[in-house]
Protein backbone atom coordinates (compact mmCIF):
# COMPACT_ATOMS: atom_id res chain seq x y z
CA UNK A 1 130.88 147.04 53.06
CA UNK A 2 129.16 146.44 49.77
CA UNK A 3 127.85 142.88 50.56
CA UNK A 4 125.49 141.62 53.35
CA UNK A 5 128.10 140.82 55.84
CA UNK A 6 126.77 143.46 58.14
CA UNK A 7 123.16 141.95 58.18
CA UNK A 8 124.69 138.30 58.55
CA UNK A 9 127.34 138.80 61.00
CA UNK A 10 126.62 142.22 62.51
CA UNK A 11 128.81 145.19 63.24
CA UNK A 12 131.31 143.27 65.13
CA UNK A 13 132.28 141.49 61.96
CA UNK A 14 132.57 144.62 60.03
CA UNK A 15 134.95 146.01 62.65
CA UNK A 16 137.00 142.82 62.63
CA UNK A 17 137.32 142.87 58.76
CA UNK A 18 138.42 146.46 58.89
CA UNK A 19 140.92 145.84 61.64
CA UNK A 20 142.35 142.90 59.76
CA UNK A 21 142.67 144.58 56.60
CA UNK A 22 144.69 147.40 58.50
CA UNK A 23 146.89 144.68 59.93
CA UNK A 24 148.03 143.14 56.62
CA UNK A 25 151.58 143.51 57.63
CA UNK A 26 151.13 142.29 61.18
CA UNK A 27 154.06 140.55 62.89
CA UNK A 28 153.27 138.96 66.19
CA UNK A 29 150.53 137.36 68.29
CA UNK A 30 147.57 138.76 69.90
CA UNK A 31 144.71 137.21 71.94
CA UNK A 32 141.62 139.09 72.88
CA UNK A 33 138.55 138.13 74.82
CA UNK A 34 135.32 140.01 75.52
CA UNK A 35 132.59 138.77 77.89
CA UNK A 36 129.20 140.43 78.43
CA UNK A 37 126.05 139.78 80.38
CA UNK A 38 122.62 141.32 80.89
CA UNK A 39 121.33 142.71 84.18
CA UNK A 40 118.29 140.49 84.07
CA UNK A 41 120.14 137.22 83.09
CA UNK A 42 120.24 135.25 79.80
CA UNK A 43 122.05 136.65 76.82
CA UNK A 44 125.68 136.19 78.16
CA UNK A 45 128.12 136.63 75.26
CA UNK A 46 131.63 135.71 75.05
CA UNK A 47 134.07 136.29 72.04
CA UNK A 48 137.77 135.16 71.72
CA UNK A 49 139.91 136.16 68.92
CA UNK A 50 143.52 134.85 68.12
CA UNK A 51 145.58 137.12 65.58
CA UNK A 52 148.96 135.76 64.35
CA UNK A 53 151.00 137.41 61.70
CA UNK A 54 154.37 137.25 60.20
CA UNK A 55 156.00 139.89 57.94
CA UNK A 56 159.29 140.01 56.01
CA UNK A 57 160.68 142.13 53.14
CA UNK A 58 159.04 140.02 50.61
CA UNK A 59 156.02 138.49 52.25
CA UNK A 60 153.53 138.77 54.99
CA UNK A 61 150.89 136.33 56.39
CA UNK A 62 147.98 137.06 58.61
CA UNK A 63 145.88 134.43 60.40
CA UNK A 64 142.82 134.96 62.45
CA UNK A 65 140.68 132.52 64.56
CA UNK A 66 137.68 133.86 66.02
CA UNK A 67 135.14 132.15 68.33
CA UNK A 68 131.70 133.66 69.43
CA UNK A 69 128.88 132.30 71.66
CA UNK A 70 125.55 134.06 72.96
CA UNK A 71 122.84 132.51 75.15
CA UNK A 72 119.27 133.01 74.10
CA UNK A 73 116.97 135.45 75.74
CA UNK A 74 113.47 133.90 76.12
CA UNK A 75 110.59 136.29 75.99
CA UNK A 76 109.30 134.60 79.21
CA UNK A 77 112.32 135.89 80.96
CA UNK A 78 111.42 139.51 80.68
CA UNK A 79 108.31 141.14 82.05
CA UNK A 80 107.81 143.37 79.06
CA UNK A 81 107.92 140.32 76.52
CA UNK A 82 106.53 137.70 78.66
CA UNK A 83 103.12 137.92 77.13
CA UNK A 84 101.96 139.14 73.79
CA UNK A 85 98.87 140.43 75.55
CA UNK A 86 100.26 144.01 76.27
CA UNK A 87 97.10 145.30 78.12
CA UNK A 88 99.21 145.68 81.46
CA UNK A 89 101.87 147.54 79.88
CA UNK A 90 99.53 149.68 77.68
CA UNK A 91 96.13 150.15 79.65
CA UNK A 92 95.05 153.03 77.39
CA UNK A 93 95.80 151.12 74.21
CA UNK A 94 92.40 149.48 73.12
CA UNK A 95 94.49 147.09 70.77
CA UNK A 96 96.99 145.92 73.35
CA UNK A 97 95.07 142.70 73.97
CA UNK A 98 94.90 142.01 70.17
CA UNK A 99 98.57 141.59 70.01
CA UNK A 100 98.04 137.84 70.46
CA UNK A 101 97.78 135.46 67.57
CA UNK A 102 94.44 135.01 65.95
CA UNK A 103 95.48 131.45 65.33
CA UNK A 104 94.19 130.39 68.87
CA UNK A 105 94.64 127.31 70.84
CA UNK A 106 92.37 125.59 70.46
CA UNK A 107 91.31 128.02 67.62
CA UNK A 108 88.63 130.14 66.01
CA UNK A 109 86.50 129.10 63.24
CA UNK A 110 84.71 131.21 60.87
CA UNK A 111 81.09 130.29 60.21
CA UNK A 112 79.90 133.05 57.80
CA UNK A 113 81.00 133.23 54.32
CA UNK A 114 81.79 136.92 54.75
CA UNK A 115 84.04 136.20 57.83
CA UNK A 116 81.97 138.64 59.86
CA UNK A 117 80.82 136.02 62.34
CA UNK A 118 83.45 134.04 64.34
CA UNK A 119 83.21 131.98 67.37
CA UNK A 120 85.74 130.21 69.58
CA UNK A 121 86.07 126.41 68.79
CA UNK A 122 83.82 124.62 71.29
CA UNK A 123 83.75 121.20 69.74
CA UNK A 124 84.37 118.54 72.12
CA UNK A 125 86.50 119.62 75.19
CA UNK A 126 88.51 122.20 73.14
CA UNK A 127 86.94 125.37 74.88
CA UNK A 128 89.05 128.41 74.66
CA UNK A 129 90.04 129.70 78.16
CA UNK A 130 88.17 132.98 78.89
CA UNK A 131 91.46 134.71 79.21
CA UNK A 132 92.24 133.95 75.81
CA UNK A 133 89.00 135.39 74.15
CA UNK A 134 89.20 138.87 72.67
CA UNK A 135 85.88 139.98 71.31
CA UNK A 136 84.74 136.59 69.80
CA UNK A 137 88.27 135.48 68.81
CA UNK A 138 90.34 132.85 70.73
CA UNK A 139 93.82 134.44 70.73
CA UNK A 140 96.88 132.43 71.52
CA UNK A 141 99.66 133.90 73.62
CA UNK A 142 102.79 132.94 71.64
CA UNK A 143 105.08 135.19 73.53
CA UNK A 144 106.25 132.64 76.32
CA UNK A 145 107.47 130.05 73.54
CA UNK A 146 109.45 132.75 71.67
CA UNK A 147 112.90 134.17 72.01
CA UNK A 148 113.92 137.93 71.90
CA UNK A 149 117.49 136.89 71.15
CA UNK A 150 118.25 133.56 69.74
CA UNK A 151 121.27 131.51 70.80
CA UNK A 152 124.22 131.95 68.51
CA UNK A 153 127.69 130.09 68.20
CA UNK A 154 130.06 130.57 65.36
CA UNK A 155 133.87 129.90 64.60
CA UNK A 156 135.67 131.84 62.05
CA UNK A 157 138.91 131.57 60.28
CA UNK A 158 140.54 133.94 58.01
CA UNK A 159 143.86 134.04 56.10
CA UNK A 160 145.34 136.87 54.20
CA UNK A 161 148.92 136.81 52.68
CA UNK A 162 151.11 138.64 50.17
CA UNK A 163 154.24 137.42 48.52
CA UNK A 164 156.45 139.61 46.16
CA UNK A 165 157.57 137.27 43.30
CA UNK A 166 159.68 139.88 41.70
CA UNK A 167 159.63 143.73 41.32
CA UNK A 168 156.80 143.93 39.06
CA UNK A 169 154.63 140.74 40.20
CA UNK A 170 152.85 139.97 43.62
CA UNK A 171 150.79 137.22 44.55
CA UNK A 172 148.10 137.52 47.29
CA UNK A 173 145.28 135.96 48.92
CA UNK A 174 142.54 137.79 50.84
CA UNK A 175 139.15 137.17 52.12
CA UNK A 176 136.13 138.33 50.08
């Protein structure tokens, strides 16, 4: 495909478009359903498609109705993404604990004009928990609040048709 459909809708959409183009003279009814799930839960997918077509000597019409739904997969649901602090998974990597955001909760304030001296925010009761301090920075673990795969739901409809008006003129309508 020349446009961005592959980035927007994924490889299933490209395969669907190619299959429909090949079925421009389809005559009949076809229903298909795919259901998938992950071994660790979350991310369940279902896709149902209805293909209907009529074809005659002078015309053909193809209609497609498609429904896709996928559950989200939360980072917190997987041990390898449940924390942005990757020290436990990469013990030999000195930067594994630095994967957390430098926008800490409660935060880190730079006091020096050259940004070399930083200290966790200790104003009032906003003391950064020790587990979130890396060096002198308060690091926030954003992973438990993020998703690995977002939830998705889409409904699609497509029509393609041809009509032979005479031996030299044909009218058609097709998706772009």
